[in-house]
């Protein structure tokens, strides 16, 4: 049982919603309701995918994380490196049943987009590519956070290789990654890890992130009726202003504010998606969203409570 608890800790429960909710948005918005396959994919993007994304990341970041005071809280677990190696292997094996399910039960494009996501995630974390250690590319690779949205759209029947909303979410992913590297800039520099924040500095990285969040706002204004959804970009632009000088404790506070912004804006987007659905489709989708949110937040709070005892 302790190995399961460690796996959950490694997977960053508070970040589960960043991947599971876009899947739900895409599937529910296009189909008008959710089906059993959506529930299975939603569950996959809660824990198994995040376990796969973060276990290898923690293994290859072990030396850097040892210097980082932010680790051990909501941002991952402090774990011995040999144990991390076993979790990285276990997280990869856990993908197999979900890949088989996707291949058998869903349209071929859903398998294509899911496979692309897993390959990009591996390329981000692991040698020989290790895109995480290649400045600029490290942020650009975080278009991966948009792919669950595309998986949901493909699962619901979209025949487009990439749908327009995915480009918007990809721009958010790039800006979000750049912004969060500011919080680890000093630790990464001390450990010899090259990130966009190490290369450009805090101010340069904040400006880079602001460009992408501005692009998100402009795209939302152009793609939505009335354009009010574009206001969702404003909190992230405010965080970019804060990030220009966010060193030490200010950097850790920036990361906490970023998490709060994600949860709040994600909840608002979920509500907007549900409002577009017929009642008989909105109720099951809303219950699924509520269950996922409750699980992610309760596990995160439970972890924090245990760590403080």
Protein backbone atom coordinates (compact mmCIF):
# COMPACT_ATOMS: atom_id res chain seq x y z
CA UNK A 1 0.00 0.00 0.00
CA UNK A 2 2.85 2.40 0.75
CA UNK A 3 4.06 1.99 -2.85
CA UNK A 4 0.65 3.11 -4.11
CA UNK A 5 0.73 6.14 -1.81
CA UNK A 6 4.21 7.00 -3.09
CA UNK A 7 3.03 6.63 -6.70
CA UNK A 8 0.14 9.02 -6.02
CA UNK A 9 2.52 11.47 -4.36
CA UNK A 10 4.87 11.37 -7.35
CA UNK A 11 1.98 12.00 -9.75
CA UNK A 12 1.24 15.49 -8.27
CA UNK A 13 -2.51 15.14 -7.49
CA UNK A 14 -3.10 18.88 -7.65
CA UNK A 15 -1.98 18.79 -11.30
CA UNK A 16 -4.32 15.94 -12.29
CA UNK A 17 -6.96 18.45 -13.35
CA UNK A 18 -4.62 20.05 -15.92
CA UNK A 19 -4.86 16.91 -18.05
CA UNK A 20 -8.19 15.30 -17.12
CA UNK A 21 -10.42 18.35 -17.53
CA UNK A 22 -9.32 19.20 -21.10
CA UNK A 23 -10.11 15.59 -22.06
CA UNK A 24 -13.61 16.04 -20.63
CA UNK A 25 -14.08 19.43 -22.29
CA UNK A 26 -13.28 18.04 -25.72
CA UNK A 27 -15.33 14.86 -25.49
CA UNK A 28 -18.40 16.41 -23.86
CA UNK A 29 -18.48 19.56 -26.00
CA UNK A 30 -18.30 17.68 -29.31
CA UNK A 31 -20.55 14.72 -28.46
CA UNK A 32 -22.98 16.59 -26.20
CA UNK A 33 -22.70 13.98 -23.46
CA UNK A 34 -20.21 11.56 -21.95
CA UNK A 35 -20.00 7.81 -22.51
CA UNK A 36 -18.15 5.03 -20.71
CA UNK A 37 -15.03 5.44 -22.84
CA UNK A 38 -14.83 9.09 -21.75
CA UNK A 39 -14.95 8.02 -18.10
CA UNK A 40 -12.08 5.57 -18.69
CA UNK A 41 -9.97 8.19 -20.46
CA UNK A 42 -10.81 10.73 -17.75
CA UNK A 43 -9.54 8.29 -15.13
CA UNK A 44 -6.40 7.72 -17.21
CA UNK A 45 -5.66 11.43 -17.32
CA UNK A 46 -6.22 11.79 -13.59
CA UNK A 47 -3.57 9.41 -12.27
CA UNK A 48 -1.87 7.01 -14.73
CA UNK A 49 -0.79 9.66 -17.23
CA UNK A 50 0.48 12.03 -14.55
CA UNK A 51 2.33 9.16 -12.89
CA UNK A 52 4.00 8.42 -16.25
CA UNK A 53 4.79 12.09 -16.82
CA UNK A 54 6.31 12.78 -13.42
CA UNK A 55 8.03 9.57 -12.30
CA UNK A 56 10.73 9.73 -15.03
CA UNK A 57 10.89 13.50 -14.54
CA UNK A 58 11.69 13.07 -10.86
CA UNK A 59 14.28 10.39 -11.63
CA UNK A 60 16.23 12.55 -14.07
CA UNK A 61 15.73 15.67 -11.92
CA UNK A 62 16.88 13.99 -8.72
CA UNK A 63 20.02 16.11 -8.22
CA UNK A 64 18.20 19.36 -8.98
CA UNK A 65 15.23 18.52 -6.78
CA UNK A 66 17.53 17.88 -3.82
CA UNK A 67 18.37 21.60 -3.90
CA UNK A 68 14.79 22.76 -4.39
CA UNK A 69 12.78 23.74 -1.26
CA UNK A 70 9.56 23.57 -3.28
CA UNK A 71 9.84 19.80 -3.68
CA UNK A 72 8.04 17.59 -1.22
CA UNK A 73 4.88 19.73 -1.22
CA UNK A 74 2.31 19.98 -3.99
CA UNK A 75 5.17 19.84 -6.49
CA UNK A 76 6.15 16.20 -6.19
CA UNK A 77 7.75 13.88 -3.71
CA UNK A 78 11.25 13.64 -2.26
CA UNK A 79 12.10 10.04 -3.11
CA UNK A 80 15.35 8.00 -3.20
CA UNK A 81 16.64 7.65 -6.75
CA UNK A 82 16.59 3.81 -6.90
CA UNK A 83 12.93 3.86 -5.86
CA UNK A 84 12.22 6.50 -8.51
CA UNK A 85 13.69 4.17 -11.14
CA UNK A 86 11.21 1.45 -10.15
CA UNK A 87 8.33 3.92 -10.24
CA UNK A 88 9.38 5.12 -13.70
CA UNK A 89 9.22 1.53 -14.96
CA UNK A 90 5.90 0.86 -13.22
CA UNK A 91 4.36 4.05 -14.63
CA UNK A 92 5.32 2.98 -18.16
CA UNK A 93 3.85 -0.50 -17.75
CA UNK A 94 0.61 1.03 -16.46
CA UNK A 95 0.10 2.66 -19.86
CA UNK A 96 -0.32 -0.68 -21.65
CA UNK A 97 -3.97 -1.50 -20.78
CA UNK A 98 -5.09 2.04 -21.65
CA UNK A 99 -3.29 1.92 -25.00
CA UNK A 100 -4.93 -1.42 -25.76
CA UNK A 101 -8.34 -0.02 -24.79
CA UNK A 102 -7.84 3.04 -26.99
CA UNK A 103 -6.75 0.90 -29.94
CA UNK A 104 -9.73 -1.45 -29.63
CA UNK A 105 -12.57 0.84 -28.53
CA UNK A 106 -11.88 4.29 -29.99
CA UNK A 107 -11.32 5.86 -33.42
CA UNK A 108 -7.79 5.53 -34.87
CA UNK A 109 -7.16 9.26 -34.50
CA UNK A 110 -7.66 8.95 -30.73
CA UNK A 111 -4.87 6.36 -30.60
CA UNK A 112 -2.72 8.60 -32.79
CA UNK A 113 -3.11 11.65 -30.57
CA UNK A 114 -2.62 9.63 -27.37
CA UNK A 115 0.53 8.00 -28.76
CA UNK A 116 1.86 11.40 -29.81
CA UNK A 117 1.28 12.67 -26.27
CA UNK A 118 3.14 9.76 -24.67
CA UNK A 119 6.09 10.04 -27.07
CA UNK A 120 6.35 13.79 -26.51
CA UNK A 121 6.17 13.29 -22.73
CA UNK A 122 9.00 10.76 -22.90
CA UNK A 123 11.08 13.03 -25.13
CA UNK A 124 10.61 15.88 -22.66
CA UNK A 125 11.88 13.89 -19.69
CA UNK A 126 14.38 11.29 -20.82
CA UNK A 127 17.69 11.11 -22.70
CA UNK A 128 18.77 11.21 -25.44
CA UNK A 129 16.34 14.00 -26.29
CA UNK A 130 15.71 15.33 -22.74
CA UNK A 131 13.94 18.40 -24.12
CA UNK A 132 13.45 19.67 -20.59
CA UNK A 133 17.13 20.59 -20.54
CA UNK A 134 17.07 22.46 -23.87
CA UNK A 135 16.08 26.12 -23.36
CA UNK A 136 13.14 27.37 -25.43
CA UNK A 137 12.41 23.81 -26.55
CA UNK A 138 11.59 22.99 -22.93
CA UNK A 139 8.67 25.42 -23.03
CA UNK A 140 7.61 24.67 -26.61
CA UNK A 141 7.37 20.98 -25.73
CA UNK A 142 4.64 21.79 -23.23
CA UNK A 143 2.13 21.91 -26.03
CA UNK A 144 1.70 18.39 -24.62
CA UNK A 145 -0.82 19.81 -22.13
CA UNK A 146 -3.11 20.58 -25.08
CA UNK A 147 -3.11 17.05 -26.44
CA UNK A 148 -5.59 15.59 -23.88
CA UNK A 149 -8.11 18.08 -25.30
CA UNK A 150 -7.41 16.67 -28.77
CA UNK A 151 -7.69 13.10 -27.48
CA UNK A 152 -11.15 13.97 -26.15
CA UNK A 153 -12.18 15.50 -29.46
CA UNK A 154 -10.89 12.50 -31.41
CA UNK A 155 -12.61 10.09 -29.02
CA UNK A 156 -15.88 11.95 -29.67
CA UNK A 157 -15.48 11.67 -33.44
CA UNK A 158 -13.48 14.66 -34.68
CA UNK A 159 -11.76 13.91 -37.99
CA UNK A 160 -9.40 16.90 -37.83
CA UNK A 161 -5.76 16.11 -37.10
CA UNK A 162 -5.68 19.22 -34.87
CA UNK A 163 -8.77 21.23 -33.90
CA UNK A 164 -8.61 25.02 -33.48
CA UNK A 165 -9.14 25.08 -29.67
CA UNK A 166 -6.10 22.84 -29.28
CA UNK A 167 -3.84 25.53 -30.71
CA UNK A 168 -5.13 27.96 -28.08
CA UNK A 169 -4.50 25.52 -25.25
CA UNK A 170 -1.06 24.74 -26.69
CA UNK A 171 -0.14 28.43 -26.42
CA UNK A 172 -1.27 28.35 -22.79
CA UNK A 173 0.93 25.30 -22.17
CA UNK A 174 4.01 27.06 -23.56
CA UNK A 175 3.42 30.18 -21.48
CA UNK A 176 2.58 28.19 -18.36
CA UNK A 177 5.78 26.16 -18.54
CA UNK A 178 7.95 29.24 -19.05
CA UNK A 179 6.28 30.97 -16.11
CA UNK A 180 6.85 28.05 -13.73
CA UNK A 181 10.55 27.72 -14.65
CA UNK A 182 11.03 31.13 -13.02
CA UNK A 183 10.28 29.56 -9.64
CA UNK A 184 13.13 27.03 -10.04
CA UNK A 185 15.61 29.30 -11.79
CA UNK A 186 18.25 29.50 -9.04
CA UNK A 187 18.09 25.79 -8.16
CA UNK A 188 18.33 24.78 -11.83
CA UNK A 189 21.27 27.12 -12.40
CA UNK A 190 23.08 25.78 -9.32
CA UNK A 191 22.62 22.20 -10.55
CA UNK A 192 23.78 23.03 -14.08
CA UNK A 193 20.34 22.46 -15.62
CA UNK A 194 19.66 24.73 -18.58
CA UNK A 195 16.06 25.93 -18.75
CA UNK A 196 14.45 28.87 -20.44
CA UNK A 197 14.58 30.81 -17.14
CA UNK A 198 18.30 30.10 -16.76
CA UNK A 199 18.89 31.24 -20.35
CA UNK A 200 16.68 34.36 -20.43
CA UNK A 201 16.59 35.30 -16.75
CA UNK A 202 13.41 36.04 -14.83
CA UNK A 203 12.47 39.19 -16.73
CA UNK A 204 13.13 37.70 -20.14
CA UNK A 205 11.20 34.55 -19.29
CA UNK A 206 8.27 36.55 -17.90
CA UNK A 207 8.16 38.50 -21.17
CA UNK A 208 8.29 35.25 -23.18
CA UNK A 209 5.41 33.81 -21.15
CA UNK A 210 3.42 37.05 -21.46
CA UNK A 211 3.68 36.84 -25.25
CA UNK A 212 2.04 33.41 -25.27
CA UNK A 213 -0.67 34.39 -22.78
CA UNK A 214 -1.43 37.46 -24.89
CA UNK A 215 -1.74 35.15 -27.89
CA UNK A 216 -4.18 33.02 -25.89
CA UNK A 217 -6.29 36.07 -25.08
CA UNK A 218 -6.35 37.24 -28.71
CA UNK A 219 -7.27 33.77 -29.97
CA UNK A 220 -10.08 33.40 -27.42
CA UNK A 221 -11.41 36.81 -28.42
CA UNK A 222 -11.41 35.80 -32.09
CA UNK A 223 -12.85 32.31 -31.65
CA UNK A 224 -15.63 32.94 -29.10
CA UNK A 225 -18.88 34.85 -29.29
CA UNK A 226 -18.56 38.19 -27.53
CA UNK A 227 -14.91 37.55 -26.68
CA UNK A 228 -15.39 37.76 -22.90
CA UNK A 229 -13.62 34.42 -22.44
CA UNK A 230 -10.43 36.26 -23.47
CA UNK A 231 -10.41 37.70 -19.94
CA UNK A 232 -9.18 34.29 -18.75
CA UNK A 233 -5.73 35.30 -19.96
CA UNK A 234 -5.53 38.29 -17.59
CA UNK A 235 -4.63 36.41 -14.37
CA UNK A 236 -1.70 34.77 -16.16
CA UNK A 237 -0.49 38.10 -17.50
CA UNK A 238 -0.64 39.43 -13.93
CA UNK A 239 1.48 36.46 -12.82
CA UNK A 240 4.02 37.34 -15.51
CA UNK A 241 4.36 40.81 -13.99
CA UNK A 242 4.92 39.25 -10.56
CA UNK A 243 7.37 36.76 -12.04
CA UNK A 244 9.81 39.42 -13.22
CA UNK A 245 11.31 39.61 -9.72
CA UNK A 246 10.09 36.34 -8.16
CA UNK A 247 13.16 34.92 -6.41
CA UNK A 248 13.25 32.74 -3.29
CA UNK A 249 10.02 32.79 -1.30
CA UNK A 250 8.46 35.11 -3.89
CA UNK A 251 9.03 32.40 -6.49
CA UNK A 252 7.33 29.78 -4.34
CA UNK A 253 4.42 32.18 -3.78
CA UNK A 254 4.23 32.71 -7.56
CA UNK A 255 3.86 28.96 -8.06
CA UNK A 256 1.05 28.74 -5.50
CA UNK A 257 -0.77 31.61 -7.22
CA UNK A 258 -0.32 29.82 -10.54
CA UNK A 259 -1.98 26.69 -9.12
CA UNK A 260 -4.87 28.75 -7.75
CA UNK A 261 -5.35 30.42 -11.14
CA UNK A 262 -5.39 27.03 -12.87
CA UNK A 263 -8.01 25.55 -10.56
CA UNK A 264 -10.22 28.65 -10.70
CA UNK A 265 -10.10 29.19 -14.45
CA UNK A 266 -10.39 25.47 -15.11
CA UNK A 267 -13.58 25.40 -13.04
CA UNK A 268 -14.98 28.34 -15.01
CA UNK A 269 -14.20 26.69 -18.35
CA UNK A 270 -15.82 23.48 -17.13
CA UNK A 271 -18.93 25.43 -16.17
CA UNK A 272 -19.06 27.11 -19.58
CA UNK A 273 -18.76 23.75 -21.35
CA UNK A 274 -21.52 22.27 -19.19
CA UNK A 275 -23.81 25.20 -20.00
CA UNK A 276 -23.54 24.39 -23.71
CA UNK A 277 -24.76 20.82 -23.19
CA UNK A 278 -28.35 19.58 -23.03
CA UNK A 279 -29.51 18.85 -19.50
CA UNK A 280 -29.30 15.07 -19.91
CA UNK A 281 -25.69 15.46 -21.06
CA UNK A 282 -24.65 18.17 -18.63
CA UNK A 283 -25.61 16.27 -15.47
CA UNK A 284 -23.38 13.18 -16.03
CA UNK A 285 -20.52 15.35 -17.33
CA UNK A 286 -20.85 17.66 -14.35
CA UNK A 287 -20.85 14.75 -11.92
CA UNK A 288 -17.71 13.37 -13.55
CA UNK A 289 -15.99 16.76 -13.34
CA UNK A 290 -17.04 17.15 -9.70
CA UNK A 291 -15.81 13.65 -8.83
CA UNK A 292 -12.42 14.27 -10.46
CA UNK A 293 -12.01 17.66 -8.80
CA UNK A 294 -13.01 16.33 -5.39
CA UNK A 295 -10.60 13.41 -5.71
CA UNK A 296 -7.67 15.57 -6.82
CA UNK A 297 -8.18 18.22 -4.16
CA UNK A 298 -8.91 15.78 -1.33
CA UNK A 299 -5.81 13.71 -2.09
CA UNK A 300 -3.71 16.89 -2.25
CA UNK A 301 -5.09 18.17 1.06
CA UNK A 302 -4.64 14.76 2.64
CA UNK A 303 -1.00 14.65 1.56
CA UNK A 304 -0.36 18.10 2.97
CA UNK A 305 -2.01 17.13 6.28
CA UNK A 306 0.08 13.96 6.62
CA UNK A 307 3.31 15.82 5.82
CA UNK A 308 2.66 18.40 8.52
CA UNK A 309 2.06 15.85 11.27
